[in-house]
């Protein structure tokens, strides 16, 4: 077996009530 990355990802980073800076690390960086 091979581990192949998903070819495109949409990362949602909440910021409406609080600017959730950390969510960028958690989704974008790990991708």
ModelCIF file with pLDDT and N, C-alpha, C, O atoms, coordinates in Angstrom:
data_MODEL
#
_entry.id   MODEL 
#
_entity.id                         1 
_entity.type                       polymer 
_entity.pdbx_number_of_molecules   1 
#
_entity_poly.entity_id                      1 
_entity_poly.type                           'polypeptide(L)' 
_entity_poly.nstd_linkage                   no 
_entity_poly.nstd_monomer                   no 
_entity_poly.pdbx_seq_one_letter_code       
;(UNK)(UNK)(UNK)(UNK)(UNK)(UNK)(UNK)(UNK)(UNK)(UNK)(UNK)(UNK)(UNK)(UNK)(UNK)(UNK)
(UNK)(UNK)(UNK)(UNK)(UNK)(UNK)(UNK)(UNK)(UNK)(UNK)(UNK)(UNK)(UNK)(UNK)(UNK)
;
_entity_poly.pdbx_seq_one_letter_code_can   XXXXXXXXXXXXXXXXXXXXXXXXXXXXXXX 
_entity_poly.pdbx_strand_id                 A 
#
loop_
_entity_poly_seq.entity_id 
_entity_poly_seq.num 
_entity_poly_seq.mon_id 
_entity_poly_seq.hetero 
1 1  UNK n 
1 2  UNK n 
1 3  UNK n 
1 4  UNK n 
1 5  UNK n 
1 6  UNK n 
1 7  UNK n 
1 8  UNK n 
1 9  UNK n 
1 10 UNK n 
1 11 UNK n 
1 12 UNK n 
1 13 UNK n 
1 14 UNK n 
1 15 UNK n 
1 16 UNK n 
1 17 UNK n 
1 18 UNK n 
1 19 UNK n 
1 20 UNK n 
1 21 UNK n 
1 22 UNK n 
1 23 UNK n 
1 24 UNK n 
1 25 UNK n 
1 26 UNK n 
1 27 UNK n 
1 28 UNK n 
1 29 UNK n 
1 30 UNK n 
1 31 UNK n 
#
_struct_asym.id          A 
_struct_asym.entity_id   1 
#
loop_
_ma_qa_metric.id 
_ma_qa_metric.mode 
_ma_qa_metric.name 
_ma_qa_metric.software_group_id 
_ma_qa_metric.type 
1 global pLDDT . pLDDT 
2 local  pLDDT . pLDDT 
#
_ma_qa_metric_global.metric_id      1 
_ma_qa_metric_global.metric_value   95.35 
_ma_qa_metric_global.model_id       1 
_ma_qa_metric_global.ordinal_id     1 
#
loop_
_ma_qa_metric_local.label_asym_id 
_ma_qa_metric_local.label_comp_id 
_ma_qa_metric_local.label_seq_id 
_ma_qa_metric_local.metric_id 
_ma_qa_metric_local.metric_value 
_ma_qa_metric_local.model_id 
_ma_qa_metric_local.ordinal_id 
A UNK 1  2 98.00 1 1  
A UNK 2  2 98.00 1 2  
A UNK 3  2 98.00 1 3  
A UNK 4  2 98.00 1 4  
A UNK 5  2 98.00 1 5  
A UNK 6  2 98.00 1 6  
A UNK 7  2 98.00 1 7  
A UNK 8  2 98.00 1 8  
A UNK 9  2 98.00 1 9  
A UNK 10 2 98.00 1 10 
A UNK 11 2 98.00 1 11 
A UNK 12 2 97.00 1 12 
A UNK 13 2 96.00 1 13 
A UNK 14 2 93.00 1 14 
A UNK 15 2 90.00 1 15 
A UNK 16 2 79.00 1 16 
A UNK 17 2 81.00 1 17 
A UNK 18 2 89.00 1 18 
A UNK 19 2 93.00 1 19 
A UNK 20 2 94.00 1 20 
A UNK 21 2 97.00 1 21 
A UNK 22 2 96.00 1 22 
A UNK 23 2 96.00 1 23 
A UNK 24 2 96.00 1 24 
A UNK 25 2 96.00 1 25 
A UNK 26 2 96.00 1 26 
A UNK 27 2 97.00 1 27 
A UNK 28 2 98.00 1 28 
A UNK 29 2 98.00 1 29 
A UNK 30 2 98.00 1 30 
A UNK 31 2 98.00 1 31 
#
loop_
_atom_site.group_PDB 
_atom_site.id 
_atom_site.type_symbol 
_atom_site.label_atom_id 
_atom_site.label_alt_id 
_atom_site.label_comp_id 
_atom_site.label_asym_id 
_atom_site.label_entity_id 
_atom_site.label_seq_id 
_atom_site.pdbx_PDB_ins_code 
_atom_site.Cartn_x 
_atom_site.Cartn_y 
_atom_site.Cartn_z 
_atom_site.occupancy 
_atom_site.B_iso_or_equiv 
_atom_site.pdbx_formal_charge 
_atom_site.auth_seq_id 
_atom_site.auth_comp_id 
_atom_site.auth_asym_id 
_atom_site.auth_atom_id 
_atom_site.pdbx_PDB_model_num 
ATOM 1   N N  . UNK A 1 1  ? 0.833   -1.199 0.000  1.00 98.00 ? 1  UNK A N  1 
ATOM 2   C CA . UNK A 1 1  ? 0.000   0.000  0.000  1.00 98.00 ? 1  UNK A CA 1 
ATOM 3   C C  . UNK A 1 1  ? 0.864   1.243  0.000  1.00 98.00 ? 1  UNK A C  1 
ATOM 4   O O  . UNK A 1 1  ? 1.997   1.242  0.481  1.00 98.00 ? 1  UNK A O  1 
ATOM 5   N N  . UNK A 1 2  ? 0.296   2.305  -0.554 1.00 98.00 ? 2  UNK A N  1 
ATOM 6   C CA . UNK A 1 2  ? 0.937   3.612  -0.605 1.00 98.00 ? 2  UNK A CA 1 
ATOM 7   C C  . UNK A 1 2  ? 0.048   4.634  0.090  1.00 98.00 ? 2  UNK A C  1 
ATOM 8   O O  . UNK A 1 2  ? -1.176  4.590  -0.036 1.00 98.00 ? 2  UNK A O  1 
ATOM 9   N N  . UNK A 1 3  ? 0.663   5.549  0.818  1.00 98.00 ? 3  UNK A N  1 
ATOM 10  C CA . UNK A 1 3  ? -0.051  6.654  1.443  1.00 98.00 ? 3  UNK A CA 1 
ATOM 11  C C  . UNK A 1 3  ? 0.067   7.881  0.548  1.00 98.00 ? 3  UNK A C  1 
ATOM 12  O O  . UNK A 1 3  ? 1.136   8.483  0.450  1.00 98.00 ? 3  UNK A O  1 
ATOM 13  N N  . UNK A 1 4  ? -1.021  8.245  -0.097 1.00 98.00 ? 4  UNK A N  1 
ATOM 14  C CA . UNK A 1 4  ? -1.025  9.317  -1.098 1.00 98.00 ? 4  UNK A CA 1 
ATOM 15  C C  . UNK A 1 4  ? -1.802  10.517 -0.555 1.00 98.00 ? 4  UNK A C  1 
ATOM 16  O O  . UNK A 1 4  ? -2.929  10.343 -0.091 1.00 98.00 ? 4  UNK A O  1 
ATOM 17  N N  . UNK A 1 5  ? -1.241  11.725 -0.595 1.00 98.00 ? 5  UNK A N  1 
ATOM 18  C CA . UNK A 1 5  ? -1.972  12.890 -0.100 1.00 98.00 ? 5  UNK A CA 1 
ATOM 19  C C  . UNK A 1 5  ? -3.228  13.180 -0.925 1.00 98.00 ? 5  UNK A C  1 
ATOM 20  O O  . UNK A 1 5  ? -3.240  13.001 -2.143 1.00 98.00 ? 5  UNK A O  1 
ATOM 21  N N  . UNK A 1 6  ? -4.273  13.626 -0.247 1.00 98.00 ? 6  UNK A N  1 
ATOM 22  C CA . UNK A 1 6  ? -5.412  14.217 -0.946 1.00 98.00 ? 6  UNK A CA 1 
ATOM 23  C C  . UNK A 1 6  ? -4.877  15.361 -1.799 1.00 98.00 ? 6  UNK A C  1 
ATOM 24  O O  . UNK A 1 6  ? -3.996  16.099 -1.358 1.00 98.00 ? 6  UNK A O  1 
ATOM 25  N N  . UNK A 1 7  ? -5.391  15.515 -3.002 1.00 98.00 ? 7  UNK A N  1 
ATOM 26  C CA . UNK A 1 7  ? -4.786  16.447 -3.952 1.00 98.00 ? 7  UNK A CA 1 
ATOM 27  C C  . UNK A 1 7  ? -5.194  17.904 -3.766 1.00 98.00 ? 7  UNK A C  1 
ATOM 28  O O  . UNK A 1 7  ? -4.488  18.803 -4.224 1.00 98.00 ? 7  UNK A O  1 
ATOM 29  N N  . UNK A 1 8  ? -6.310  18.151 -3.108 1.00 98.00 ? 8  UNK A N  1 
ATOM 30  C CA . UNK A 1 8  ? -6.692  19.540 -2.817 1.00 98.00 ? 8  UNK A CA 1 
ATOM 31  C C  . UNK A 1 8  ? -7.553  19.562 -1.562 1.00 98.00 ? 8  UNK A C  1 
ATOM 32  O O  . UNK A 1 8  ? -8.438  18.726 -1.382 1.00 98.00 ? 8  UNK A O  1 
ATOM 33  N N  . UNK A 1 9  ? -7.279  20.530 -0.703 1.00 98.00 ? 9  UNK A N  1 
ATOM 34  C CA . UNK A 1 9  ? -7.960  20.628 0.585  1.00 98.00 ? 9  UNK A CA 1 
ATOM 35  C C  . UNK A 1 9  ? -8.408  22.065 0.824  1.00 98.00 ? 9  UNK A C  1 
ATOM 36  O O  . UNK A 1 9  ? -7.668  23.013 0.562  1.00 98.00 ? 9  UNK A O  1 
ATOM 37  N N  . UNK A 1 10 ? -9.641  22.209 1.330  1.00 98.00 ? 10 UNK A N  1 
ATOM 38  C CA . UNK A 1 10 ? -10.137 23.507 1.767  1.00 98.00 ? 10 UNK A CA 1 
ATOM 39  C C  . UNK A 1 10 ? -10.137 23.568 3.284  1.00 98.00 ? 10 UNK A C  1 
ATOM 40  O O  . UNK A 1 10 ? -10.818 22.779 3.940  1.00 98.00 ? 10 UNK A O  1 
ATOM 41  N N  . UNK A 1 11 ? -9.377  24.500 3.847  1.00 98.00 ? 11 UNK A N  1 
ATOM 42  C CA . UNK A 1 11 ? -9.239  24.637 5.290  1.00 98.00 ? 11 UNK A CA 1 
ATOM 43  C C  . UNK A 1 11 ? -10.072 25.823 5.771  1.00 98.00 ? 11 UNK A C  1 
ATOM 44  O O  . UNK A 1 11 ? -9.854  26.957 5.344  1.00 98.00 ? 11 UNK A O  1 
ATOM 45  N N  . UNK A 1 12 ? -11.021 25.558 6.656  1.00 97.00 ? 12 UNK A N  1 
ATOM 46  C CA . UNK A 1 12 ? -11.826 26.631 7.224  1.00 97.00 ? 12 UNK A CA 1 
ATOM 47  C C  . UNK A 1 12 ? -11.223 27.054 8.559  1.00 97.00 ? 12 UNK A C  1 
ATOM 48  O O  . UNK A 1 12 ? -11.003 26.233 9.449  1.00 97.00 ? 12 UNK A O  1 
ATOM 49  N N  . UNK A 1 13 ? -10.965 28.343 8.676  1.00 96.00 ? 13 UNK A N  1 
ATOM 50  C CA . UNK A 1 13 ? -10.358 28.895 9.886  1.00 96.00 ? 13 UNK A CA 1 
ATOM 51  C C  . UNK A 1 13 ? -11.330 29.906 10.490 1.00 96.00 ? 13 UNK A C  1 
ATOM 52  O O  . UNK A 1 13 ? -11.452 31.011 9.962  1.00 96.00 ? 13 UNK A O  1 
ATOM 53  N N  . UNK A 1 14 ? -12.026 29.569 11.577 1.00 93.00 ? 14 UNK A N  1 
ATOM 54  C CA . UNK A 1 14 ? -13.017 30.485 12.156 1.00 93.00 ? 14 UNK A CA 1 
ATOM 55  C C  . UNK A 1 14 ? -12.392 31.794 12.619 1.00 93.00 ? 14 UNK A C  1 
ATOM 56  O O  . UNK A 1 14 ? -11.251 31.825 13.082 1.00 93.00 ? 14 UNK A O  1 
ATOM 57  N N  . UNK A 1 15 ? -13.156 32.872 12.488 1.00 90.00 ? 15 UNK A N  1 
ATOM 58  C CA . UNK A 1 15 ? -12.664 34.178 12.950 1.00 90.00 ? 15 UNK A CA 1 
ATOM 59  C C  . UNK A 1 15 ? -13.789 35.160 13.191 1.00 90.00 ? 15 UNK A C  1 
ATOM 60  O O  . UNK A 1 15 ? -13.526 36.327 13.480 1.00 90.00 ? 15 UNK A O  1 
ATOM 61  N N  . UNK A 1 16 ? -15.040 34.727 13.083 1.00 79.00 ? 16 UNK A N  1 
ATOM 62  C CA . UNK A 1 16 ? -16.148 35.665 13.211 1.00 79.00 ? 16 UNK A CA 1 
ATOM 63  C C  . UNK A 1 16 ? -16.276 36.266 14.584 1.00 79.00 ? 16 UNK A C  1 
ATOM 64  O O  . UNK A 1 16 ? -16.301 37.489 14.720 1.00 79.00 ? 16 UNK A O  1 
ATOM 65  N N  . UNK A 1 17 ? -16.358 35.431 15.619 1.00 81.00 ? 17 UNK A N  1 
ATOM 66  C CA . UNK A 1 17 ? -16.461 35.900 17.004 1.00 81.00 ? 17 UNK A CA 1 
ATOM 67  C C  . UNK A 1 17 ? -15.082 36.108 17.600 1.00 81.00 ? 17 UNK A C  1 
ATOM 68  O O  . UNK A 1 17 ? -14.824 37.127 18.241 1.00 81.00 ? 17 UNK A O  1 
ATOM 69  N N  . UNK A 1 18 ? -14.182 35.131 17.389 1.00 89.00 ? 18 UNK A N  1 
ATOM 70  C CA . UNK A 1 18 ? -12.798 35.208 17.836 1.00 89.00 ? 18 UNK A CA 1 
ATOM 71  C C  . UNK A 1 18 ? -11.897 34.864 16.654 1.00 89.00 ? 18 UNK A C  1 
ATOM 72  O O  . UNK A 1 18 ? -12.178 33.909 15.930 1.00 89.00 ? 18 UNK A O  1 
ATOM 73  N N  . UNK A 1 19 ? -10.822 35.619 16.443 1.00 93.00 ? 19 UNK A N  1 
ATOM 74  C CA . UNK A 1 19 ? -9.894  35.272 15.359 1.00 93.00 ? 19 UNK A CA 1 
ATOM 75  C C  . UNK A 1 19 ? -9.057  34.061 15.764 1.00 93.00 ? 19 UNK A C  1 
ATOM 76  O O  . UNK A 1 19 ? -8.091  34.205 16.513 1.00 93.00 ? 19 UNK A O  1 
ATOM 77  N N  . UNK A 1 20 ? -9.408  32.885 15.288 1.00 94.00 ? 20 UNK A N  1 
ATOM 78  C CA . UNK A 1 20 ? -8.792  31.639 15.748 1.00 94.00 ? 20 UNK A CA 1 
ATOM 79  C C  . UNK A 1 20 ? -7.508  31.354 14.973 1.00 94.00 ? 20 UNK A C  1 
ATOM 80  O O  . UNK A 1 20 ? -7.464  30.509 14.078 1.00 94.00 ? 20 UNK A O  1 
ATOM 81  N N  . UNK A 1 21 ? -6.477  32.086 15.351 1.00 97.00 ? 21 UNK A N  1 
ATOM 82  C CA . UNK A 1 21 ? -5.159  31.951 14.736 1.00 97.00 ? 21 UNK A CA 1 
ATOM 83  C C  . UNK A 1 21 ? -4.708  30.490 14.753 1.00 97.00 ? 21 UNK A C  1 
ATOM 84  O O  . UNK A 1 21 ? -4.160  29.982 13.775 1.00 97.00 ? 21 UNK A O  1 
ATOM 85  N N  . UNK A 1 22 ? -4.947  29.837 15.874 1.00 96.00 ? 22 UNK A N  1 
ATOM 86  C CA . UNK A 1 22 ? -4.465  28.471 16.043 1.00 96.00 ? 22 UNK A CA 1 
ATOM 87  C C  . UNK A 1 22 ? -5.057  27.501 15.034 1.00 96.00 ? 22 UNK A C  1 
ATOM 88  O O  . UNK A 1 22 ? -4.407  26.519 14.677 1.00 96.00 ? 22 UNK A O  1 
ATOM 89  N N  . UNK A 1 23 ? -6.275  27.750 14.566 1.00 96.00 ? 23 UNK A N  1 
ATOM 90  C CA . UNK A 1 23 ? -6.893  26.838 13.611 1.00 96.00 ? 23 UNK A CA 1 
ATOM 91  C C  . UNK A 1 23 ? -6.126  26.778 12.297 1.00 96.00 ? 23 UNK A C  1 
ATOM 92  O O  . UNK A 1 23 ? -6.197  25.783 11.576 1.00 96.00 ? 23 UNK A O  1 
ATOM 93  N N  . UNK A 1 24 ? -5.395  27.841 11.988 1.00 96.00 ? 24 UNK A N  1 
ATOM 94  C CA . UNK A 1 24 ? -4.566  27.809 10.785 1.00 96.00 ? 24 UNK A CA 1 
ATOM 95  C C  . UNK A 1 24 ? -3.433  26.795 10.942 1.00 96.00 ? 24 UNK A C  1 
ATOM 96  O O  . UNK A 1 24 ? -3.108  26.064 10.007 1.00 96.00 ? 24 UNK A O  1 
ATOM 97  N N  . UNK A 1 25 ? -2.838  26.761 12.136 1.00 96.00 ? 25 UNK A N  1 
ATOM 98  C CA . UNK A 1 25 ? -1.788  25.768 12.362 1.00 96.00 ? 25 UNK A CA 1 
ATOM 99  C C  . UNK A 1 25 ? -2.355  24.354 12.210 1.00 96.00 ? 25 UNK A C  1 
ATOM 100 O O  . UNK A 1 25 ? -1.752  23.485 11.581 1.00 96.00 ? 25 UNK A O  1 
ATOM 101 N N  . UNK A 1 26 ? -3.530  24.153 12.808 1.00 96.00 ? 26 UNK A N  1 
ATOM 102 C CA . UNK A 1 26 ? -4.080  22.813 12.925 1.00 96.00 ? 26 UNK A CA 1 
ATOM 103 C C  . UNK A 1 26 ? -4.513  22.210 11.591 1.00 96.00 ? 26 UNK A C  1 
ATOM 104 O O  . UNK A 1 26 ? -4.451  20.994 11.410 1.00 96.00 ? 26 UNK A O  1 
ATOM 105 N N  . UNK A 1 27 ? -4.949  23.052 10.663 1.00 97.00 ? 27 UNK A N  1 
ATOM 106 C CA . UNK A 1 27 ? -5.443  22.537 9.388  1.00 97.00 ? 27 UNK A CA 1 
ATOM 107 C C  . UNK A 1 27 ? -4.475  22.779 8.245  1.00 97.00 ? 27 UNK A C  1 
ATOM 108 O O  . UNK A 1 27 ? -4.099  21.843 7.538  1.00 97.00 ? 27 UNK A O  1 
ATOM 109 N N  . UNK A 1 28 ? -4.069  24.025 8.059  1.00 98.00 ? 28 UNK A N  1 
ATOM 110 C CA . UNK A 1 28 ? -3.202  24.361 6.932  1.00 98.00 ? 28 UNK A CA 1 
ATOM 111 C C  . UNK A 1 28 ? -1.828  23.714 7.085  1.00 98.00 ? 28 UNK A C  1 
ATOM 112 O O  . UNK A 1 28 ? -1.329  23.078 6.157  1.00 98.00 ? 28 UNK A O  1 
ATOM 113 N N  . UNK A 1 29 ? -1.226  23.878 8.251  1.00 98.00 ? 29 UNK A N  1 
ATOM 114 C CA . UNK A 1 29 ? 0.129   23.377 8.460  1.00 98.00 ? 29 UNK A CA 1 
ATOM 115 C C  . UNK A 1 29 ? 0.185   21.855 8.383  1.00 98.00 ? 29 UNK A C  1 
ATOM 116 O O  . UNK A 1 29 ? 1.104   21.300 7.782  1.00 98.00 ? 29 UNK A O  1 
ATOM 117 N N  . UNK A 1 30 ? -0.790  21.178 8.985  1.00 98.00 ? 30 UNK A N  1 
ATOM 118 C CA . UNK A 1 30 ? -0.781  19.713 8.933  1.00 98.00 ? 30 UNK A CA 1 
ATOM 119 C C  . UNK A 1 30 ? -1.010  19.199 7.516  1.00 98.00 ? 30 UNK A C  1 
ATOM 120 O O  . UNK A 1 30 ? -0.456  18.170 7.131  1.00 98.00 ? 30 UNK A O  1 
ATOM 121 N N  . UNK A 1 31 ? -1.829  19.917 6.734  1.00 98.00 ? 31 UNK A N  1 
ATOM 122 C CA . UNK A 1 31 ? -1.993  19.551 5.325  1.00 98.00 ? 31 UNK A CA 1 
ATOM 123 C C  . UNK A 1 31 ? -0.677  19.697 4.572  1.00 98.00 ? 31 UNK A C  1 
ATOM 124 O O  . UNK A 1 31 ? -0.620  19.432 3.371  1.00 98.00 ? 31 UNK A O  1 
#
